[in-house]
Protein backbone atom coordinates (compact mmCIF):
# COMPACT_ATOMS: atom_id res chain seq x y z
CA MET A 1 11.77 7.76 -11.19
CA SER A 2 9.11 9.97 -10.32
CA ILE A 3 6.24 9.43 -7.55
CA PRO A 4 2.98 9.65 -9.07
CA LYS A 5 0.75 12.83 -7.89
CA GLU A 6 -2.58 11.16 -5.49
CA ASP A 7 -5.57 11.93 -5.71
CA ILE A 8 -6.57 11.73 -1.85
CA LYS A 9 -9.43 14.37 -1.12
CA LEU A 10 -9.48 16.58 1.96
CA GLU A 11 -12.83 15.06 3.03
CA LYS A 12 -11.25 11.84 3.22
CA ILE A 13 -8.37 13.25 5.41
CA VAL A 14 -10.74 14.63 7.76
CA LYS A 15 -13.17 11.55 8.13
CA LEU A 16 -10.04 9.46 8.65
CA LEU A 17 -8.53 11.98 11.50
CA GLU A 18 -12.32 12.22 12.95
CA LYS A 19 -13.26 8.65 13.18
CA ASN A 20 -11.07 7.96 15.93
CA PRO A 21 -11.76 8.16 19.55
CA GLU A 22 -10.68 10.95 20.97
CA GLU A 23 -9.67 9.11 24.38
CA ASN A 24 -7.07 7.27 22.11
CA LYS A 25 -5.98 9.49 19.22
CA THR A 26 -2.26 10.78 19.40
CA LEU A 27 -0.21 12.40 16.50
CA TYR A 28 1.54 9.38 15.79
CA ASP A 29 -2.13 7.74 15.60
CA ASN A 30 -3.39 10.18 13.14
CA ILE A 31 0.43 9.78 10.92
CA TYR A 32 -0.11 6.15 11.19
CA ASN A 33 -3.69 6.36 9.68
CA LEU A 34 -2.73 9.02 7.21
CA TYR A 35 0.55 6.24 6.04
CA VAL A 36 -1.89 4.02 5.57
CA LEU A 37 -4.24 6.11 3.45
CA ILE A 38 -1.72 6.88 1.13
CA GLY A 39 -0.72 3.46 1.17
CA ILE A 40 -4.42 2.19 -0.05
CA ALA A 41 -3.92 5.15 -2.55
CA LYS A 42 -0.96 4.11 -4.48
CA GLY A 43 -2.09 1.06 -4.28
CA VAL A 44 -5.07 1.66 -6.49
CA ASP A 45 -3.93 4.12 -8.78
CA ASP A 46 -1.25 1.14 -9.30
CA ILE A 47 -3.45 -1.03 -9.88
CA ARG A 48 -5.34 1.21 -12.14
CA ASN A 49 -2.46 2.06 -14.41
CA GLY A 50 -1.90 -1.92 -14.50
CA ARG A 51 1.15 -2.02 -12.67
CA GLY A 52 -0.10 -4.45 -10.41
CA MET A 53 -0.25 -8.77 -11.28
CA THR A 54 -2.72 -11.39 -10.83
CA LEU A 55 -2.25 -14.09 -7.76
CA GLU A 56 -1.54 -16.53 -10.44
CA GLU A 57 1.22 -13.99 -11.93
CA PHE A 58 2.59 -13.60 -8.18
CA ASN A 59 3.05 -17.45 -7.56
CA LYS A 60 4.78 -18.27 -10.70
CA GLU A 61 7.21 -15.48 -9.92
CA ARG A 62 7.53 -16.49 -6.26
CA GLU A 63 8.27 -20.22 -7.66
CA GLU A 64 10.66 -18.79 -9.97
CA LEU A 65 12.51 -17.25 -6.92
CA TYR A 66 12.39 -19.79 -4.89
CA GLU A 67 13.84 -22.17 -7.67
CA ARG A 68 16.96 -19.74 -8.32
CA TYR A 69 17.30 -19.50 -4.29
CA SER A 70 17.36 -23.24 -3.63
CA ARG A 71 20.00 -23.81 -7.09
CA SER A 72 22.12 -21.17 -5.37
CA PHE A 73 21.90 -21.77 -1.79
CA GLY A 74 20.92 -25.27 -2.17
């Protein structure tokens, strides 16, 4: 399983890092913000490449899982 290459521009990263107020900025805050940015980029890439699902598909899958779970564990 390969992880898709993310297309995150350096300008977006710099803008994100500059957005935090200086007095509250820590290394961990910046790492967390980059982690969130990468997660969003992966989600957008998934949707663009047809790896997402509609709310209706999600609800149907959730209901099927609930039914299987209910039959197995009462």
